[in-house]
Amino acid sequence: MNAGLTAPPPRAARPAVRAVLFDLDGTLLDTVLDIAAALNAALQEQQLSPLAAAEVRLLIGRGVPTLIERALARLGAAAARADRALLQQSYHAYYQNLHERNAFKARPFPGVAQGLRGLHALGLHLAVVTNKSQDLAVDLLARLELGQWIDAVVGAQGDRQRKPDPQPLLLACERLQVRAAQALMVGDSLVDVSAARAAGMAIVCVPYGYNEGADPRTLPCDALVESIAELPAFLVGTSRPGAPLRPV
């Protein structure tokens, strides 16, 4: 983030925030244990070595195909003949099975429920925009009792574009009936930042996510919040005329 970050223009010159869009994995939910379990089960099918959850954490970002490619690259020559299509198919099957057996270990990060509740109380529209399967994202939010505050979920489905393409963010805005300039994206990775910039919306980042192994604090976002619980007060503060974004 540039040290010389300037204050946004006065409120009259910029639309008020009416909606907040959230990334899921690494922003609202810590899902690395489930991702590692499904990945390692798929790798084992092809007699490939498992990866520790700490290693898998560094590989998360840009969807399952990229996760598979990064895992195989880490495994080196032993993975040269791996069947990538079968790995993806097996990964999805094992991940789905975790949910069907209620054996998933995903949990909200601290402060997430408090933050969503507070934003909802402010009258803001909330959406989740994720590269995870649409059905799995909806299921997770419901089971973890977060769906009550979410008005729309846009996940991977059919030929739908994925982040960093702006299309899923714009689709979320359409469903919430707001313009992109009236929405704020909240994420943990360069994928989220790139998608928000392309969609023409501001972005706030959290410092605890995955970000493909890089420190989220280095992301070129508009502001950083330590926890989703801080967002309601942050937005109330920046709604004052001429109020600056908190510098990173």
Protein backbone atom coordinates (compact mmCIF):
# COMPACT_ATOMS: atom_id res chain seq x y z
CA MET A 1 0.00 0.00 0.00
CA ASN A 2 1.36 3.43 -0.85
CA ALA A 3 2.44 5.39 2.21
CA GLY A 4 0.95 8.48 0.64
CA LEU A 5 -2.60 7.12 0.40
CA THR A 6 -4.86 10.16 0.06
CA ALA A 7 -8.31 10.62 1.51
CA PRO A 8 -11.30 9.78 -0.71
CA PRO A 9 -13.29 12.74 -2.09
CA PRO A 10 -16.07 14.20 0.08
CA ARG A 11 -19.15 12.05 0.53
CA ALA A 12 -21.16 14.15 -1.89
CA ALA A 13 -18.74 13.13 -4.66
CA ARG A 14 -18.91 9.38 -4.02
CA PRO A 15 -21.84 7.01 -3.60
CA ALA A 16 -22.51 5.71 -0.09
CA VAL A 17 -21.78 2.03 0.48
CA ARG A 18 -25.00 0.06 0.21
CA ALA A 19 -23.60 -3.47 -0.10
CA VAL A 20 -20.64 -5.50 1.09
CA LEU A 21 -19.34 -8.49 -0.88
CA PHE A 22 -17.21 -11.10 0.88
CA ASP A 23 -14.76 -13.69 -0.31
CA LEU A 24 -15.35 -17.01 1.47
CA ASP A 25 -12.21 -19.14 1.91
CA GLY A 26 -9.61 -17.23 3.90
CA THR A 27 -11.91 -14.26 4.58
CA LEU A 28 -15.06 -15.56 6.28
CA LEU A 29 -14.06 -19.20 6.74
CA ASP A 30 -10.90 -21.12 7.56
CA THR A 31 -11.30 -24.11 5.23
CA VAL A 32 -7.70 -25.27 4.80
CA LEU A 33 -8.14 -28.56 6.71
CA ASP A 34 -10.99 -29.67 4.45
CA ILE A 35 -9.17 -28.59 1.30
CA ALA A 36 -6.06 -30.50 2.41
CA ALA A 37 -8.09 -33.61 3.28
CA ALA A 38 -9.83 -33.70 -0.11
CA LEU A 39 -6.62 -32.95 -2.01
CA ASN A 40 -4.64 -35.65 -0.21
CA ALA A 41 -7.39 -38.24 -0.72
CA ALA A 42 -7.32 -37.47 -4.45
CA LEU A 43 -3.51 -37.66 -4.54
CA GLN A 44 -3.52 -40.98 -2.70
CA GLU A 45 -5.73 -42.48 -5.40
CA GLN A 46 -2.83 -42.00 -7.81
CA GLN A 47 -0.20 -43.18 -5.33
CA LEU A 48 1.12 -39.66 -4.79
CA SER A 49 2.47 -38.34 -1.50
CA PRO A 50 0.22 -36.21 0.72
CA LEU A 51 0.93 -32.58 1.52
CA ALA A 52 0.77 -31.07 4.99
CA ALA A 53 -2.05 -28.62 5.64
CA ALA A 54 0.55 -25.87 6.11
CA GLU A 55 1.82 -26.55 2.58
CA VAL A 56 -1.69 -26.66 1.12
CA ARG A 57 -2.44 -23.29 2.71
CA LEU A 58 0.23 -21.76 0.45
CA LEU A 59 -1.38 -23.25 -2.66
CA ILE A 60 -4.95 -22.00 -2.17
CA GLY A 61 -6.22 -19.41 -4.62
CA ARG A 62 -7.75 -19.20 -8.12
CA GLY A 63 -9.83 -22.36 -7.80
CA VAL A 64 -9.38 -26.13 -7.77
CA PRO A 65 -7.62 -26.54 -11.16
CA THR A 66 -4.88 -24.17 -10.00
CA LEU A 67 -4.70 -25.91 -6.61
CA ILE A 68 -4.13 -29.23 -8.40
CA GLU A 69 -1.45 -27.79 -10.67
CA ARG A 70 0.39 -26.22 -7.75
CA ALA A 71 0.21 -29.45 -5.74
CA LEU A 72 1.65 -31.45 -8.62
CA ALA A 73 4.42 -28.91 -9.14
CA ARG A 74 5.33 -29.21 -5.46
CA LEU A 75 5.46 -32.99 -5.75
CA GLY A 76 7.89 -32.73 -8.66
CA ALA A 77 8.87 -35.55 -10.99
CA ALA A 78 6.82 -38.13 -9.09
CA ALA A 79 3.66 -36.36 -10.28
CA ALA A 80 4.64 -36.02 -13.94
CA ARG A 81 2.15 -38.64 -15.15
CA ALA A 82 -0.71 -37.67 -12.88
CA ASP A 83 -4.17 -37.58 -14.41
CA ARG A 84 -5.24 -34.00 -13.74
CA ALA A 85 -8.84 -34.45 -14.81
CA LEU A 86 -9.22 -37.45 -12.50
CA LEU A 87 -7.59 -35.55 -9.65
CA GLN A 88 -10.10 -32.73 -9.99
CA GLN A 89 -13.00 -35.16 -10.17
CA SER A 90 -11.78 -37.04 -7.10
CA TYR A 91 -11.10 -33.84 -5.18
CA HIS A 92 -14.66 -32.63 -5.72
CA ALA A 93 -16.08 -36.03 -4.77
CA TYR A 94 -14.11 -36.20 -1.51
CA TYR A 95 -14.91 -32.59 -0.62
CA GLN A 96 -18.60 -33.19 -1.27
CA ASN A 97 -18.44 -36.34 0.86
CA LEU A 98 -17.06 -34.34 3.81
CA HIS A 99 -20.20 -32.23 3.71
CA GLU A 100 -22.57 -35.14 3.21
CA ARG A 101 -21.09 -36.88 6.27
CA ASN A 102 -21.04 -33.63 8.24
CA ALA A 103 -17.32 -34.28 8.70
CA PHE A 104 -16.03 -30.92 7.49
CA LYS A 105 -13.79 -28.87 9.79
CA ALA A 106 -14.34 -25.41 8.27
CA ARG A 107 -15.02 -22.74 10.86
CA PRO A 108 -15.66 -18.99 10.74
CA PHE A 109 -12.68 -16.83 11.61
CA PRO A 110 -13.03 -14.94 14.91
CA GLY A 111 -15.33 -11.94 14.65
CA VAL A 112 -17.12 -13.02 11.47
CA ALA A 113 -20.58 -13.60 12.96
CA GLN A 114 -20.33 -10.40 15.00
CA GLY A 115 -19.32 -8.40 11.92
CA LEU A 116 -22.04 -9.79 9.67
CA ARG A 117 -24.65 -9.16 12.34
CA GLY A 118 -23.46 -5.58 12.73
CA LEU A 119 -23.46 -4.88 9.00
CA HIS A 120 -26.94 -6.33 8.66
CA ALA A 121 -28.10 -4.07 11.50
CA LEU A 122 -26.81 -1.07 9.52
CA GLY A 123 -29.20 -2.02 6.71
CA LEU A 124 -26.47 -3.09 4.29
CA HIS A 125 -26.99 -5.80 1.67
CA LEU A 126 -24.47 -8.65 2.03
CA ALA A 127 -23.24 -11.20 -0.50
CA VAL A 128 -20.57 -13.87 -0.76
CA VAL A 129 -18.56 -14.09 -3.98
CA THR A 130 -16.37 -17.18 -4.13
CA ASN A 131 -14.59 -19.50 -6.54
CA LYS A 132 -15.91 -22.42 -4.50
CA SER A 133 -18.84 -24.39 -5.89
CA GLN A 134 -22.11 -22.47 -5.53
CA ASP A 135 -23.90 -25.36 -3.80
CA LEU A 136 -21.06 -26.01 -1.36
CA ALA A 137 -20.77 -22.33 -0.48
CA VAL A 138 -24.49 -22.08 0.27
CA ASP A 139 -24.36 -25.29 2.29
CA LEU A 140 -21.39 -24.16 4.37
CA LEU A 141 -22.91 -20.79 5.19
CA ALA A 142 -26.15 -22.46 6.27
CA ARG A 143 -24.50 -25.11 8.42
CA LEU A 144 -22.24 -22.58 10.12
CA GLU A 145 -25.26 -20.33 10.79
CA LEU A 146 -23.95 -17.42 8.73
CA GLY A 147 -26.48 -17.62 5.90
CA GLN A 148 -29.09 -15.70 7.90
CA TRP A 149 -27.21 -12.48 7.16
CA ILE A 150 -26.28 -13.20 3.53
CA ASP A 151 -28.64 -11.95 0.82
CA ALA A 152 -26.89 -13.53 -2.18
CA VAL A 153 -24.19 -16.11 -2.92
CA VAL A 154 -22.31 -16.18 -6.22
CA GLY A 155 -20.07 -19.22 -6.55
CA ALA A 156 -18.60 -21.40 -9.28
CA GLN A 157 -21.38 -22.78 -11.46
CA GLY A 158 -21.40 -23.94 -15.09
CA ASP A 159 -19.59 -21.53 -17.42
CA ARG A 160 -19.70 -18.63 -14.97
CA GLN A 161 -16.46 -16.66 -14.88
CA ARG A 162 -14.40 -16.79 -11.69
CA LYS A 163 -12.40 -14.19 -9.82
CA PRO A 164 -10.16 -12.35 -10.72
CA ASP A 165 -12.67 -11.76 -13.51
CA PRO A 166 -15.09 -9.05 -12.30
CA GLN A 167 -18.18 -10.84 -13.64
CA PRO A 168 -19.14 -12.65 -10.40
CA LEU A 169 -18.83 -9.41 -8.41
CA LEU A 170 -21.00 -7.57 -10.91
CA LEU A 171 -23.53 -10.42 -10.82
CA ALA A 172 -23.69 -10.11 -7.02
CA CYS A 173 -24.34 -6.37 -7.36
CA GLU A 174 -27.09 -7.08 -9.86
CA ARG A 175 -28.75 -9.51 -7.46
CA LEU A 176 -28.47 -7.00 -4.62
CA GLN A 177 -29.77 -4.24 -6.90
CA VAL A 178 -26.83 -1.91 -6.29
CA ARG A 179 -24.26 -0.34 -8.58
CA ALA A 180 -20.65 -1.52 -8.34
CA ALA A 181 -19.59 1.90 -7.07
CA GLN A 182 -22.00 1.41 -4.14
CA ALA A 183 -20.42 -1.92 -3.13
CA LEU A 184 -17.36 -2.75 -1.08
CA MET A 185 -15.41 -5.98 -1.61
CA VAL A 186 -13.75 -7.68 1.38
CA GLY A 187 -11.09 -10.30 0.70
CA ASP A 188 -7.72 -11.77 1.55
CA SER A 189 -5.91 -12.15 -1.77
CA LEU A 190 -4.63 -10.50 -4.92
CA VAL A 191 -7.41 -12.38 -6.73
CA ASP A 192 -9.98 -10.41 -4.71
CA VAL A 193 -8.15 -7.11 -5.20
CA SER A 194 -7.86 -7.63 -8.95
CA ALA A 195 -11.55 -8.55 -9.27
CA ALA A 196 -12.65 -5.52 -7.25
CA ARG A 197 -10.48 -3.13 -9.26
CA ALA A 198 -11.81 -4.55 -12.52
CA ALA A 199 -15.38 -4.19 -11.25
CA GLY A 200 -14.83 -0.58 -10.21
CA MET A 201 -15.34 -1.01 -6.48
CA ALA A 202 -13.29 -0.35 -3.36
CA ILE A 203 -11.73 -3.26 -1.47
CA VAL A 204 -10.82 -3.84 2.15
CA CYS A 205 -8.55 -6.76 3.08
CA VAL A 206 -8.07 -8.92 6.16
CA PRO A 207 -4.53 -9.92 7.24
CA TYR A 208 -5.11 -13.56 8.19
CA GLY A 209 -6.11 -15.20 4.90
CA TYR A 210 -4.38 -17.40 2.36
CA ASN A 211 -3.31 -15.07 -0.52
CA GLU A 212 -1.43 -17.85 -2.34
CA GLY A 213 1.23 -17.89 0.36
CA ALA A 214 1.97 -14.15 0.35
CA ASP A 215 1.32 -11.82 3.29
CA PRO A 216 -2.16 -10.24 2.81
CA ARG A 217 -0.85 -7.11 4.54
CA THR A 218 1.15 -6.32 1.42
CA LEU A 219 -1.93 -6.25 -0.85
CA PRO A 220 -2.69 -2.99 -2.71
CA CYS A 221 -6.14 -2.64 -1.12
CA ASP A 222 -7.86 0.53 0.05
CA ALA A 223 -7.74 -0.37 3.73
CA LEU A 224 -7.02 -3.22 6.13
CA VAL A 225 -9.20 -4.43 9.01
CA GLU A 226 -7.90 -6.90 11.55
CA SER A 227 -11.27 -8.64 11.84
CA ILE A 228 -14.66 -8.66 10.12
CA ALA A 229 -15.98 -7.51 13.50
CA GLU A 230 -14.34 -4.13 12.83
CA LEU A 231 -16.22 -3.51 9.57
CA PRO A 232 -19.43 -1.94 10.92
CA ALA A 233 -17.52 0.74 12.88
CA PHE A 234 -15.12 1.17 9.97
CA LEU A 235 -17.94 1.88 7.54
CA VAL A 236 -19.73 4.21 9.93
CA GLY A 237 -16.47 6.13 10.38
CA THR A 238 -15.71 6.44 6.67
CA SER A 239 -19.28 7.57 5.90
CA ARG A 240 -18.53 10.99 7.39
CA PRO A 241 -17.91 13.68 4.76
CA GLY A 242 -14.24 13.72 3.85
CA ALA A 243 -13.34 10.87 6.24
CA PRO A 244 -10.17 9.09 5.05
CA LEU A 245 -9.80 5.38 4.58
CA ARG A 246 -7.65 3.90 7.31
CA PRO A 247 -4.17 3.56 5.79
CA VAL A 248 -2.50 0.17 5.54
